[in-house]
Amino acid sequence: MAIARREARGEDLVWQLDPDLCTKCGRCETDCVLDISAVKAVNFFPLCAMCDVCTGYFRAEGYQMNSGAENQLCPTGAVRRKFIAAIGHEPFFEYTIDEDLCIGCGKCVIGCETMNGSLYLQVRHDRCLNCNECAIAINCPADAFRRVPRSNPTLRKKETQASLQVEEELIRIEATEQRDATG
């Protein structure tokens, strides 16, 4: 892999993981020069279905419907589950990532892929040393690491980008309808 330059046209660049290329191989956890990886799982809430049985939270089989550690997929308990509401008899939960506990192993991301894929891995720049030759990037089997502008450091999954575009379009349509109704 050719290591990207630290600057492009005068703009400072940082490392980021392309979630559409990431294979969740586990190397983010083991290859980062930090004791605890700067790569963390994130949840794109507009895609999250808030499932009672979240496959990014619970083990795939042999679990009981409680939040005991033996039932959780995450080895450090970094995925937090909070009851939000019940609609009819259907409970809904919010799943958040405790970044201090997240080790970037990607197990929750693999589990979430079987449902809606709202969980994915990203480099957290408040933790990353921005090494010139990132050890994770060098060892990434999918070549999923990119240099991106520090001013826009997030790489989202294509489905999350599409979701944001739909949301922005709905907001634009609603604003146009309100303007037309008052004008």
Protein backbone atom coordinates (compact mmCIF):
# COMPACT_ATOMS: atom_id res chain seq x y z
CA MET A 1 0.00 0.00 0.00
CA ALA A 2 1.29 3.45 -0.84
CA ILE A 3 1.16 5.70 2.21
CA ALA A 4 -0.64 8.97 1.48
CA ARG A 5 0.98 12.33 2.14
CA ARG A 6 0.10 14.26 5.31
CA GLU A 7 -0.99 17.29 3.29
CA ALA A 8 -2.85 17.84 0.07
CA ARG A 9 -3.00 21.32 -1.40
CA GLY A 10 -2.04 22.79 1.96
CA GLU A 11 -4.78 21.03 3.96
CA ASP A 12 -3.88 18.85 6.92
CA LEU A 13 -4.91 15.22 6.41
CA VAL A 14 -5.86 12.53 8.92
CA TRP A 15 -6.40 8.78 8.69
CA GLN A 16 -9.91 7.40 8.34
CA LEU A 17 -11.40 3.97 7.78
CA ASP A 18 -13.71 3.50 4.78
CA PRO A 19 -16.58 1.44 6.24
CA ASP A 20 -17.64 0.19 2.80
CA LEU A 21 -14.22 -1.46 2.34
CA CYS A 22 -13.64 -2.60 5.93
CA THR A 23 -13.76 -6.37 6.45
CA LYS A 24 -13.88 -6.18 10.28
CA CYS A 25 -10.74 -8.37 10.43
CA GLY A 26 -9.81 -7.34 13.99
CA ARG A 27 -6.51 -5.68 13.05
CA CYS A 28 -7.72 -2.24 14.15
CA GLU A 29 -7.75 -3.63 17.68
CA THR A 30 -4.33 -5.28 17.50
CA ASP A 31 -2.24 -3.18 15.10
CA CYS A 32 -2.76 0.35 16.45
CA VAL A 33 0.37 1.74 18.16
CA LEU A 34 -1.80 2.87 21.08
CA ASP A 35 -2.51 0.47 23.93
CA ILE A 36 -6.23 0.86 23.18
CA SER A 37 -6.97 1.45 19.50
CA ALA A 38 -8.06 4.87 18.21
CA VAL A 39 -10.57 3.03 16.03
CA LYS A 40 -14.02 2.87 17.65
CA ALA A 41 -17.43 1.55 16.74
CA VAL A 42 -20.02 4.23 16.01
CA ASN A 43 -23.79 3.97 15.58
CA PHE A 44 -25.53 5.89 12.80
CA PHE A 45 -28.83 6.36 14.66
CA PRO A 46 -31.04 7.18 11.63
CA LEU A 47 -30.39 3.62 10.37
CA CYS A 48 -30.71 1.89 13.75
CA ALA A 49 -34.02 0.06 14.13
CA MET A 50 -33.70 0.07 17.96
CA CYS A 51 -34.40 -3.66 17.97
CA ASP A 52 -35.28 -5.60 21.08
CA VAL A 53 -32.93 -8.34 19.84
CA CYS A 54 -29.99 -6.36 18.44
CA THR A 55 -27.46 -8.61 16.72
CA GLY A 56 -24.75 -6.01 17.40
CA TYR A 57 -25.47 -6.32 21.12
CA PHE A 58 -26.53 -9.92 21.81
CA ARG A 59 -24.56 -13.03 20.93
CA ALA A 60 -25.93 -14.84 17.87
CA GLU A 61 -27.07 -17.86 19.84
CA GLY A 62 -27.38 -19.20 23.36
CA TYR A 63 -28.29 -15.90 25.01
CA GLN A 64 -31.05 -14.88 27.37
CA MET A 65 -33.00 -11.64 26.96
CA ASN A 66 -31.11 -9.68 29.59
CA SER A 67 -28.06 -7.46 29.56
CA GLY A 68 -25.81 -9.82 31.50
CA ALA A 69 -22.20 -9.88 30.27
CA GLU A 70 -22.54 -13.53 29.27
CA ASN A 71 -25.22 -12.52 26.73
CA GLN A 72 -23.35 -9.58 25.22
CA LEU A 73 -21.39 -9.79 21.98
CA CYS A 74 -18.90 -7.05 22.96
CA PRO A 75 -15.99 -8.47 24.99
CA THR A 76 -15.63 -5.23 27.00
CA GLY A 77 -19.31 -4.26 27.43
CA ALA A 78 -18.81 -1.10 25.34
CA VAL A 79 -22.20 -1.39 23.61
CA ARG A 80 -24.78 0.12 25.95
CA ARG A 81 -28.49 -0.73 25.75
CA LYS A 82 -31.14 1.67 27.07
CA PHE A 83 -34.90 1.15 26.98
CA ILE A 84 -36.55 4.03 25.09
CA ALA A 85 -40.23 3.20 24.70
CA ALA A 86 -42.80 0.53 24.01
CA ILE A 87 -45.18 0.90 21.12
CA GLY A 88 -47.94 -1.60 21.62
CA HIS A 89 -46.14 -4.66 22.94
CA GLU A 90 -42.94 -3.88 21.01
CA PRO A 91 -40.03 -2.52 23.12
CA PHE A 92 -37.47 -0.17 21.53
CA PHE A 93 -33.91 0.30 22.72
CA GLU A 94 -31.14 2.79 22.00
CA TYR A 95 -27.66 1.34 21.54
CA THR A 96 -24.67 3.59 22.19
CA ILE A 97 -20.94 2.96 22.27
CA ASP A 98 -18.89 3.74 25.38
CA GLU A 99 -15.73 4.79 23.54
CA ASP A 100 -13.59 4.48 26.66
CA LEU A 101 -14.40 0.76 26.70
CA CYS A 102 -14.44 0.14 22.93
CA ILE A 103 -11.28 -1.62 21.69
CA GLY A 104 -12.14 -1.48 17.97
CA CYS A 105 -12.50 -5.25 17.57
CA GLY A 106 -15.52 -4.87 15.24
CA LYS A 107 -17.55 -7.75 16.71
CA CYS A 108 -20.61 -5.54 17.18
CA VAL A 109 -20.23 -4.27 13.61
CA ILE A 110 -20.19 -7.83 12.26
CA GLY A 111 -23.29 -8.66 14.30
CA CYS A 112 -25.11 -5.51 13.22
CA GLU A 113 -24.53 -6.32 9.54
CA THR A 114 -27.05 -9.15 9.80
CA MET A 115 -29.73 -6.55 10.56
CA ASN A 116 -29.50 -2.96 9.31
CA GLY A 117 -25.78 -2.15 9.51
CA SER A 118 -26.01 1.04 11.56
CA LEU A 119 -22.79 0.18 13.46
CA TYR A 120 -19.43 0.71 11.74
CA LEU A 121 -15.81 1.50 12.63
CA GLN A 122 -14.19 4.95 12.47
CA VAL A 123 -10.89 6.49 13.57
CA ARG A 124 -11.45 8.88 16.47
CA HIS A 125 -9.14 11.83 15.91
CA ASP A 126 -9.15 12.96 19.52
CA ARG A 127 -7.28 9.70 20.22
CA CYS A 128 -5.36 9.04 17.00
CA LEU A 129 -1.70 10.11 16.84
CA ASN A 130 -2.03 10.54 13.05
CA CYS A 131 1.18 8.59 12.44
CA ASN A 132 2.81 9.27 9.09
CA GLU A 133 2.77 5.53 8.40
CA CYS A 134 -0.25 4.22 10.29
CA ALA A 135 0.40 0.67 11.48
CA ILE A 136 -3.25 -0.28 10.98
CA ALA A 137 -3.32 1.17 7.45
CA ILE A 138 -0.14 -0.69 6.50
CA ASN A 139 -1.56 -4.01 7.72
CA CYS A 140 -5.16 -3.54 6.57
CA PRO A 141 -5.96 -6.48 4.26
CA ALA A 142 -8.75 -4.52 2.54
CA ASP A 143 -6.72 -1.33 2.03
CA ALA A 144 -9.65 0.45 3.72
CA PHE A 145 -7.68 3.32 5.29
CA ARG A 146 -7.65 6.72 3.58
CA ARG A 147 -6.19 10.15 4.19
CA VAL A 148 -9.04 12.64 4.46
CA PRO A 149 -9.11 16.39 5.21
CA ARG A 150 -9.06 17.15 8.93
CA SER A 151 -11.91 19.60 8.25
CA ASN A 152 -14.14 16.70 7.07
CA PRO A 153 -12.76 13.59 8.80
CA THR A 154 -15.74 11.21 8.65
CA LEU A 155 -16.26 8.51 6.03
CA ARG A 156 -19.78 7.11 6.13
CA LYS A 157 -21.20 3.97 4.65
CA LYS A 158 -22.94 4.48 1.32
CA GLU A 159 -26.28 3.59 2.91
CA THR A 160 -25.83 6.23 5.61
CA GLN A 161 -24.96 8.83 2.97
CA ALA A 162 -28.13 7.90 1.06
CA SER A 163 -30.15 8.18 4.28
CA LEU A 164 -28.74 11.65 4.94
CA GLN A 165 -29.50 12.75 1.37
CA VAL A 166 -33.12 11.58 1.69
CA GLU A 167 -33.43 13.39 5.04
CA GLU A 168 -31.96 16.60 3.56
CA GLU A 169 -34.34 16.36 0.58
CA LEU A 170 -37.37 15.92 2.88
CA ILE A 171 -36.30 18.97 4.89
CA ARG A 172 -35.90 20.98 1.66
CA ILE A 173 -39.36 19.89 0.41
CA GLU A 174 -40.97 20.74 3.76
CA ALA A 175 -39.31 24.20 3.78
CA THR A 176 -40.50 24.83 0.22
CA GLU A 177 -44.06 23.80 1.10
CA GLN A 178 -44.06 26.06 4.17
CA ARG A 179 -42.71 28.97 2.14
CA ASP A 180 -45.33 28.41 -0.57
CA ALA A 181 -48.12 28.20 2.01
CA THR A 182 -47.15 31.51 3.63
CA GLY A 183 -46.19 33.39 0.50
